[in-house]
Each structure stands twice: as structure tokens, then as C-alpha cells.
Protein backbone atom coordinates (compact mmCIF):
# COMPACT_ATOMS: atom_id res chain seq x y z
CA UNK A 1 0.00 0.00 0.00
CA UNK A 2 1.43 3.37 -0.96
CA UNK A 3 1.72 6.13 1.58
CA UNK A 4 0.01 9.26 0.37
CA UNK A 5 0.86 12.69 1.65
CA UNK A 6 -2.28 14.36 2.92
CA UNK A 7 -2.43 18.12 3.18
CA UNK A 8 -3.38 18.99 6.75
CA UNK A 9 -5.00 22.36 7.12
CA UNK A 10 -6.34 24.26 10.06
CA UNK A 11 -3.56 23.57 12.53
CA UNK A 12 -2.87 27.18 13.53
CA UNK A 13 -5.28 27.82 16.39
CA UNK A 14 -4.50 31.55 16.45
CA UNK A 15 -5.27 32.14 12.77
CA UNK A 16 -8.86 33.23 13.07
CA UNK A 17 -10.68 35.63 15.36
CA UNK A 18 -14.08 34.73 16.73
CA UNK A 19 -17.08 35.13 14.46
CA UNK A 20 -18.18 38.33 16.16
CA UNK A 21 -14.69 39.71 16.90
CA UNK A 22 -13.82 40.95 13.42
CA UNK A 23 -14.59 40.14 9.80
CA UNK A 24 -12.53 37.26 8.43
CA UNK A 25 -10.07 37.91 5.67
CA UNK A 26 -10.14 35.73 2.55
CA UNK A 27 -7.48 33.26 3.74
CA UNK A 28 -9.05 32.84 7.18
CA UNK A 29 -12.45 32.23 5.64
CA UNK A 30 -11.05 29.65 3.21
CA UNK A 31 -9.22 27.86 6.03
CA UNK A 32 -12.27 27.64 8.27
CA UNK A 33 -14.55 26.73 5.37
CA UNK A 34 -12.49 23.57 4.78
CA UNK A 35 -13.05 22.52 8.40
CA UNK A 36 -16.77 23.22 8.31
CA UNK A 37 -17.13 21.61 4.87
CA UNK A 38 -15.62 18.41 6.25
CA UNK A 39 -18.19 18.50 9.05
CA UNK A 40 -21.02 19.40 6.65
CA UNK A 41 -21.84 15.79 5.84
CA UNK A 42 -24.05 13.92 8.35
CA UNK A 43 -21.88 10.78 8.22
CA UNK A 44 -18.67 12.75 8.86
CA UNK A 45 -20.36 14.74 11.61
CA UNK A 46 -21.44 11.52 13.31
CA UNK A 47 -17.96 10.01 12.88
CA UNK A 48 -16.41 13.13 14.40
CA UNK A 49 -18.86 12.97 17.29
CA UNK A 50 -18.12 9.29 17.91
CA UNK A 51 -14.37 9.90 17.89
CA UNK A 52 -14.55 13.04 20.03
CA UNK A 53 -16.79 11.38 22.60
CA UNK A 54 -14.73 8.22 22.80
CA UNK A 55 -13.99 7.32 26.36
CA UNK A 56 -10.73 6.17 27.79
CA UNK A 57 -7.64 7.21 25.86
CA UNK A 58 -9.57 9.52 23.55
CA UNK A 59 -9.37 7.22 20.55
CA UNK A 60 -11.61 4.72 18.84
CA UNK A 61 -10.92 1.76 16.58
CA UNK A 62 -12.34 1.77 13.07
CA UNK A 63 -13.84 -1.62 13.94
CA UNK A 64 -16.13 0.22 16.39
CA UNK A 65 -17.07 2.96 13.93
CA UNK A 66 -18.05 0.91 10.88
CA UNK A 67 -20.94 -1.10 12.44
CA UNK A 68 -22.71 2.12 13.48
CA UNK A 69 -23.48 2.92 9.83
CA UNK A 70 -25.33 1.21 7.03
CA UNK A 71 -22.38 1.93 4.73
CA UNK A 72 -19.53 -0.13 3.36
CA UNK A 73 -16.13 -0.09 5.02
CA UNK A 74 -14.51 1.68 2.03
CA UNK A 75 -17.13 4.45 2.29
CA UNK A 76 -16.43 4.90 6.01
CA UNK A 77 -12.69 4.98 5.26
CA UNK A 78 -13.29 7.67 2.63
CA UNK A 79 -15.17 9.84 5.13
CA UNK A 80 -12.42 9.34 7.73
CA UNK A 81 -9.82 10.31 5.13
CA UNK A 82 -11.66 13.58 4.45
CA UNK A 83 -11.75 14.35 8.18
CA UNK A 84 -8.00 13.66 8.33
CA UNK A 85 -7.28 15.86 5.30
CA UNK A 86 -9.23 18.69 6.91
CA UNK A 87 -7.00 18.47 9.97
CA UNK A 88 -9.75 17.39 12.35
CA UNK A 89 -8.56 13.89 13.26
CA UNK A 90 -5.47 11.72 13.08
CA UNK A 91 -4.97 7.99 13.20
CA UNK A 92 -2.50 5.28 14.12
CA UNK A 93 -2.32 1.78 12.66
CA UNK A 94 -1.91 -1.04 15.16
CA UNK A 95 -1.68 -4.36 13.41
CA UNK A 96 -4.69 -4.66 11.15
CA UNK A 97 -6.75 -2.00 12.96
CA UNK A 98 -6.63 1.76 12.72
CA UNK A 99 -7.36 3.94 15.76
CA UNK A 100 -8.67 7.49 15.33
CA UNK A 101 -8.43 10.49 17.65
CA UNK A 102 -9.36 14.17 17.46
CA UNK A 103 -6.35 16.42 16.96
CA UNK A 104 -5.56 18.58 20.00
CA UNK A 105 -7.15 22.00 19.99
CA UNK A 106 -9.38 21.47 16.95
CA UNK A 107 -12.67 21.47 18.83
CA UNK A 108 -11.54 24.41 20.97
CA UNK A 109 -10.64 26.35 17.83
CA UNK A 110 -14.04 25.76 16.25
CA UNK A 111 -15.83 26.57 19.50
CA UNK A 112 -13.82 29.77 19.98
CA UNK A 113 -14.65 30.88 16.45
CA UNK A 114 -18.38 30.31 16.96
CA UNK A 115 -18.50 31.72 20.50
CA UNK A 116 -20.25 35.00 21.04
CA UNK A 117 -18.77 37.17 23.81
CA UNK A 118 -21.04 37.22 26.87
CA UNK A 119 -21.63 41.01 26.71
CA UNK A 120 -22.69 40.77 23.03
CA UNK A 121 -25.54 38.44 23.94
CA UNK A 122 -26.79 40.81 26.66
CA UNK A 123 -27.64 43.51 24.13
CA UNK A 124 -30.04 41.29 22.20
């Protein structure tokens, strides 16, 4: 099996201000759009949720993810690959199984971008 280089985007947690802090520039918007686009599919959103909510160790085996869907294993692998390319998750092969985990800071970055400052909500 050949090893493909995947472009990982969205790793710079300080790149983007919050949604209500200041307008995004073109590069910031493009960077964040790739993250949200990866999460824009219901299957990928569920996969991300399953991985992020995994218990002990913060990782989950692909053998636990696949049965949760009425999709083929190659389709699940494709969705996981798109989440990896977007810089949301990473994986590690152990024998014949692959274990997935959320990359550090990714959920915090998305939450910080979407967060509205507490005083801004008081004016509404």
C-alpha cells in the first residue's frame, strides 16, 4: 500500500478571530470553510462525534465505527480520510486495525470561532 501525503490544514489555532470579533479575511475564511465543509456531511459529523466522545484514551478503533453505519467499510474509510485531510482527526495503525483520535485543539478552535462574547448576547 502506498503512503500518500495528505495536506493537513487548520492547525494554527490563532489564525482566526471569533465570528463576532472581526470580519474574516479571505485566507481565514477559506481555512475555516475547509473545516466546516468536512463536518457538513451527516456521516462525517457523526464520525467526528463518535471519535470526540470516545472514552478512555480519547481514541476509537475503526472496527467500532463501521458497524454504526449502514455503509460499506470503504465508504467509512473515505469519510475518515476527508476528516484527516481537513486536519480534524489523526490515526494510528496497530496491526490490522486503525485507531482514530481528534487532533488537539481542533474542537476548541471551532468553539472559539463560533463563540459570542457574553456582553454581546446581553444587548439582544
